[in-house]
Amino acid sequence: MPVSKNKVDRNFQDIFRCGTDVSTHAPGKIEVLGNHTDYNEGFGLSTTAEFRTCFDLELYDYRKFEVIDKIKIPSDYVFVIVNSMVKHAFTESDYNLRKESCKRAVECIKKKYPQIKALRDVSPAILRNTKRLMDFTDYKRASHIVSENDLVLKGMEALKNSNIELFGSYLYLSHESSRKNFENSCPELDYLVELSKSIPGCVGARLSGRGFGGISIHLVKKKEADRYKIRIATTFKLQTNIEPKIIIL
């Protein structure tokens, strides 16, 4: 979660009992859509948060390792970042299991489509056509990655057409795929996303990052953001007895 430079300096003073000679910082990157996975070579849509200021959304190509497009979120919408306070239960073995599963899926797809190099190259239609060639778990893992790549590109197009509601629906689709196919969510994150649907102002929400805990990202009408923050925090605490940390970008 991004914090102010002044707070960082104060924390340093409290811990080390002296001031800093030089102070620097790096902006935080928040994943809005897509998965940065080294076996995917696909796309990601992310924003940079610096001292609680949200910048352009960047369309990143993980095969080329470069930003290939940028767009702004409409000025009357903001991101509300909700920290579930659930520590990431993700382990290296979990990551490797999904990585190997996706690699096996690619090898199966190559039997019918030898030109495929990575899941980045697989369309939803190609995946459907090769479903019977692979293990069901491998299919589910691959399905999530293929879907995410597709949603990133569709999401960028929706924003270019000023269709913020459609973009928000892609966030919900992404989370549902994380929950069912990639299985990297947790009950608290699922509850936050489901809760968002009942609070006025929110058009979409999903887990962000690797999941298994951590944060959810909510796209909310700016005029409703303060009330949204209070309502989601209050209801989440009543349900889970956890006090979430929330910032508005």
Protein backbone atom coordinates (compact mmCIF):
# COMPACT_ATOMS: atom_id res chain seq x y z
CA MET A 1 0.00 0.00 0.00
CA PRO A 2 1.49 3.39 -0.91
CA VAL A 3 2.37 5.74 1.96
CA SER A 4 3.51 9.35 2.07
CA LYS A 5 7.17 10.33 2.05
CA ASN A 6 6.68 12.19 5.37
CA LYS A 7 5.41 9.02 7.04
CA VAL A 8 8.40 7.05 5.75
CA ASP A 9 10.77 9.69 7.13
CA ARG A 10 8.99 9.66 10.52
CA ASN A 11 9.19 5.86 10.71
CA PHE A 12 12.89 5.99 9.91
CA GLN A 13 13.39 8.57 12.67
CA ASP A 14 11.48 6.43 15.20
CA ILE A 15 13.47 3.30 14.41
CA PHE A 16 16.98 4.66 13.98
CA ARG A 17 16.78 7.83 16.13
CA CYS A 18 18.29 9.99 13.42
CA GLY A 19 17.27 11.71 10.23
CA THR A 20 18.01 10.58 6.69
CA ASP A 21 20.85 12.04 4.62
CA VAL A 22 19.17 11.07 1.36
CA SER A 23 15.55 10.08 0.81
CA THR A 24 14.18 8.39 -2.29
CA HIS A 25 11.13 6.35 -3.18
CA ALA A 26 9.66 4.15 -5.86
CA PRO A 27 6.04 4.28 -7.02
CA GLY A 28 3.84 1.28 -6.34
CA LYS A 29 2.43 -0.72 -9.23
CA ILE A 30 -1.11 -2.03 -8.96
CA GLU A 31 -2.34 -4.79 -11.25
CA VAL A 32 -5.76 -3.82 -12.61
CA LEU A 33 -6.25 -6.65 -15.13
CA GLY A 34 -4.07 -9.52 -16.28
CA ASN A 35 -1.41 -11.73 -14.71
CA HIS A 36 2.32 -11.16 -14.86
CA THR A 37 3.45 -14.75 -15.17
CA ASP A 38 6.75 -15.88 -16.64
CA TYR A 39 5.10 -18.76 -18.53
CA ASN A 40 2.44 -16.58 -20.18
CA GLU A 41 4.30 -13.89 -22.17
CA GLY A 42 0.97 -12.12 -22.28
CA PHE A 43 -0.52 -8.75 -21.39
CA GLY A 44 -1.15 -6.79 -18.22
CA LEU A 45 -3.07 -3.61 -17.49
CA SER A 46 -1.67 -1.79 -14.47
CA THR A 47 -1.45 1.63 -12.88
CA THR A 48 1.27 3.35 -10.91
CA ALA A 49 0.32 4.75 -7.52
CA GLU A 50 2.68 7.37 -6.11
CA PHE A 51 1.80 9.00 -2.80
CA ARG A 52 -1.85 8.01 -3.29
CA THR A 53 -2.08 9.49 -6.77
CA CYS A 54 -3.24 7.23 -9.57
CA PHE A 55 -1.65 7.69 -12.98
CA ASP A 56 -2.43 6.35 -16.44
CA LEU A 57 -3.32 2.74 -17.01
CA GLU A 58 -0.49 1.10 -18.90
CA LEU A 59 -0.92 -1.82 -21.28
CA TYR A 60 2.22 -3.88 -20.81
CA ASP A 61 3.46 -6.56 -23.18
CA TYR A 62 5.35 -9.17 -21.17
CA ARG A 63 6.81 -10.75 -24.28
CA LYS A 64 8.40 -7.50 -25.43
CA PHE A 65 8.81 -6.17 -21.87
CA GLU A 66 7.49 -2.77 -22.83
CA VAL A 67 4.48 -0.50 -22.44
CA ILE A 68 2.55 -0.60 -25.71
CA ASP A 69 -0.35 1.71 -24.87
CA LYS A 70 -1.68 4.05 -22.19
CA ILE A 71 -5.08 5.39 -21.24
CA LYS A 72 -6.61 7.40 -18.41
CA ILE A 73 -9.44 6.25 -16.19
CA PRO A 74 -12.31 8.79 -16.48
CA SER A 75 -11.84 11.60 -13.95
CA ASP A 76 -15.15 10.86 -12.24
CA TYR A 77 -13.96 7.37 -11.19
CA VAL A 78 -11.33 6.28 -8.67
CA PHE A 79 -9.77 3.06 -7.48
CA VAL A 80 -10.55 2.03 -3.92
CA ILE A 81 -7.87 -0.37 -2.70
CA VAL A 82 -9.01 -2.67 0.11
CA ASN A 83 -6.39 -4.62 2.04
CA SER A 84 -8.11 -7.74 3.38
CA MET A 85 -5.32 -8.01 6.01
CA VAL A 86 -5.06 -11.68 5.11
CA LYS A 87 -1.41 -12.57 4.70
CA HIS A 88 -0.54 -14.16 1.39
CA ALA A 89 -0.71 -17.94 1.78
CA PHE A 90 0.99 -18.29 -1.60
CA THR A 91 4.08 -20.50 -1.55
CA GLU A 92 6.68 -21.24 -4.20
CA SER A 93 5.24 -24.72 -4.59
CA ASP A 94 1.79 -23.25 -5.36
CA TYR A 95 3.35 -21.06 -8.01
CA ASN A 96 5.33 -23.93 -9.52
CA LEU A 97 2.25 -26.18 -9.65
CA ARG A 98 0.37 -23.58 -11.70
CA LYS A 99 3.41 -22.88 -13.84
CA GLU A 100 3.88 -26.56 -14.69
CA SER A 101 0.15 -26.98 -15.29
CA CYS A 102 0.15 -24.16 -17.84
CA LYS A 103 3.27 -25.53 -19.52
CA ARG A 104 1.60 -28.93 -19.91
CA ALA A 105 -1.44 -27.23 -21.40
CA VAL A 106 0.74 -25.49 -23.99
CA GLU A 107 2.36 -28.79 -24.97
CA CYS A 108 -1.07 -30.35 -25.48
CA ILE A 109 -2.24 -27.40 -27.58
CA LYS A 110 0.88 -27.67 -29.76
CA LYS A 111 -0.24 -31.13 -30.87
CA LYS A 112 -3.04 -29.48 -32.83
CA TYR A 113 -1.59 -25.98 -33.25
CA PRO A 114 2.22 -26.36 -33.57
CA GLN A 115 2.70 -22.61 -34.07
CA ILE A 116 1.75 -21.91 -30.45
CA LYS A 117 4.69 -20.82 -28.28
CA ALA A 118 2.98 -19.76 -25.05
CA LEU A 119 -0.49 -19.17 -23.64
CA ARG A 120 -0.13 -15.63 -24.96
CA ASP A 121 -0.71 -17.10 -28.44
CA VAL A 122 -3.83 -19.08 -27.46
CA SER A 123 -7.26 -17.66 -28.22
CA PRO A 124 -10.37 -18.79 -26.29
CA ALA A 125 -11.46 -20.67 -29.43
CA ILE A 126 -8.16 -22.56 -29.71
CA LEU A 127 -8.35 -23.50 -26.05
CA ARG A 128 -11.89 -24.85 -26.46
CA ASN A 129 -10.78 -26.87 -29.49
CA THR A 130 -8.02 -28.56 -27.50
CA LYS A 131 -9.78 -29.05 -24.16
CA ARG A 132 -10.05 -32.83 -24.60
CA LEU A 133 -6.30 -33.13 -25.16
CA MET A 134 -5.37 -32.06 -21.62
CA ASP A 135 -5.98 -32.78 -17.97
CA PHE A 136 -8.97 -30.88 -16.56
CA THR A 137 -6.89 -29.01 -13.96
CA ASP A 138 -4.40 -27.98 -16.64
CA TYR A 139 -7.30 -26.77 -18.74
CA LYS A 140 -8.68 -24.66 -15.89
CA ARG A 141 -5.30 -23.03 -15.21
CA ALA A 142 -4.77 -22.29 -18.88
CA SER A 143 -8.34 -21.06 -19.22
CA HIS A 144 -7.70 -18.38 -16.62
CA ILE A 145 -4.54 -17.12 -18.29
CA VAL A 146 -6.11 -17.09 -21.76
CA SER A 147 -9.18 -15.33 -20.37
CA GLU A 148 -7.03 -12.71 -18.61
CA ASN A 149 -5.13 -11.88 -21.78
CA ASP A 150 -8.41 -11.55 -23.63
CA LEU A 151 -9.94 -9.36 -20.90
CA VAL A 152 -6.92 -7.03 -20.84
CA LEU A 153 -7.27 -6.28 -24.56
CA LYS A 154 -11.06 -6.01 -24.36
CA GLY A 155 -10.73 -3.81 -21.28
CA MET A 156 -8.42 -1.41 -23.06
CA GLU A 157 -10.88 -1.19 -25.94
CA ALA A 158 -13.79 -0.56 -23.56
CA LEU A 159 -11.93 2.33 -21.95
CA LYS A 160 -11.08 3.81 -25.34
CA ASN A 161 -14.80 3.72 -26.13
CA SER A 162 -15.56 5.38 -22.75
CA ASN A 163 -17.55 2.31 -21.66
CA ILE A 164 -16.58 2.23 -18.00
CA GLU A 165 -19.43 -0.13 -17.03
CA LEU A 166 -18.22 -2.73 -19.52
CA PHE A 167 -14.67 -2.35 -18.22
CA GLY A 168 -15.96 -2.86 -14.68
CA SER A 169 -17.74 -6.05 -15.72
CA TYR A 170 -14.39 -7.39 -16.93
CA LEU A 171 -12.97 -6.90 -13.43
CA TYR A 172 -15.75 -9.09 -12.03
CA LEU A 173 -15.18 -11.72 -14.73
CA SER A 174 -11.49 -11.73 -13.94
CA HIS A 175 -12.09 -12.36 -10.25
CA GLU A 176 -14.55 -15.15 -10.95
CA SER A 177 -11.96 -16.85 -13.14
CA SER A 178 -9.34 -16.43 -10.40
CA ARG A 179 -11.73 -18.03 -7.94
CA LYS A 180 -12.88 -20.95 -10.08
CA ASN A 181 -10.09 -21.65 -12.56
CA PHE A 182 -6.80 -20.43 -11.11
CA GLU A 183 -7.96 -20.98 -7.53
CA ASN A 184 -5.77 -18.21 -6.11
CA SER A 185 -8.41 -16.30 -4.17
CA CYS A 186 -9.51 -16.71 -0.54
CA PRO A 187 -12.87 -16.36 1.29
CA GLU A 188 -12.10 -12.82 2.46
CA LEU A 189 -11.27 -11.57 -1.02
CA ASP A 190 -14.32 -13.34 -2.45
CA TYR A 191 -16.48 -11.64 0.16
CA LEU A 192 -15.05 -8.19 -0.61
CA VAL A 193 -15.74 -8.61 -4.31
CA GLU A 194 -19.25 -9.95 -3.71
CA LEU A 195 -19.95 -7.17 -1.21
CA SER A 196 -18.93 -4.55 -3.77
CA LYS A 197 -21.89 -5.52 -5.93
CA SER A 198 -24.36 -4.40 -3.26
CA ILE A 199 -22.80 -1.00 -2.48
CA PRO A 200 -23.75 1.97 -4.71
CA GLY A 201 -21.02 3.42 -6.86
CA CYS A 202 -18.91 0.35 -7.62
CA VAL A 203 -18.79 -0.87 -11.24
CA GLY A 204 -16.21 -3.64 -10.83
CA ALA A 205 -13.81 -5.34 -8.43
CA ARG A 206 -11.25 -8.14 -8.37
CA LEU A 207 -8.29 -9.43 -6.43
CA SER A 208 -5.00 -7.85 -7.43
CA GLY A 209 -1.58 -9.46 -7.52
CA ARG A 210 -0.95 -13.13 -6.85
CA GLY A 211 -3.96 -13.51 -4.59
CA PHE A 212 -4.25 -15.99 -1.71
CA GLY A 213 -4.77 -12.91 0.47
CA GLY A 214 -3.67 -9.33 0.06
CA ILE A 215 -5.72 -6.68 -1.69
CA SER A 216 -8.77 -6.24 -3.86
CA ILE A 217 -9.17 -3.33 -6.25
CA HIS A 218 -12.56 -1.62 -6.68
CA LEU A 219 -13.51 0.82 -9.44
CA VAL A 220 -15.89 3.34 -7.87
CA LYS A 221 -17.62 6.57 -8.83
CA LYS A 222 -15.59 9.39 -7.31
CA LYS A 223 -18.59 11.07 -5.68
CA GLU A 224 -19.48 7.80 -3.91
CA ALA A 225 -15.94 6.83 -2.88
CA ASP A 226 -15.91 8.13 0.71
CA ARG A 227 -19.25 6.52 1.53
CA TYR A 228 -18.20 3.35 -0.26
CA LYS A 229 -15.03 3.16 1.84
CA ILE A 230 -17.00 3.42 5.08
CA ARG A 231 -19.67 0.91 4.08
CA ILE A 232 -17.31 -1.77 2.81
CA ALA A 233 -15.04 -1.42 5.85
CA THR A 234 -17.94 -1.61 8.30
CA THR A 235 -19.63 -4.60 6.67
CA PHE A 236 -16.37 -6.48 6.16
CA LYS A 237 -15.47 -6.09 9.84
CA LEU A 238 -18.93 -7.26 10.95
CA GLN A 239 -18.59 -10.36 8.77
CA THR A 240 -14.95 -11.26 9.42
CA ASN A 241 -13.95 -9.37 12.58
CA ILE A 242 -11.09 -7.93 10.51
CA GLU A 243 -10.49 -4.19 10.19
CA PRO A 244 -9.38 -3.66 6.56
CA LYS A 245 -6.99 -0.95 5.48
CA ILE A 246 -8.42 1.12 2.66
CA ILE A 247 -7.05 3.90 0.47
CA ILE A 248 -8.64 5.84 -2.38
CA LEU A 249 -6.49 6.53 -5.42
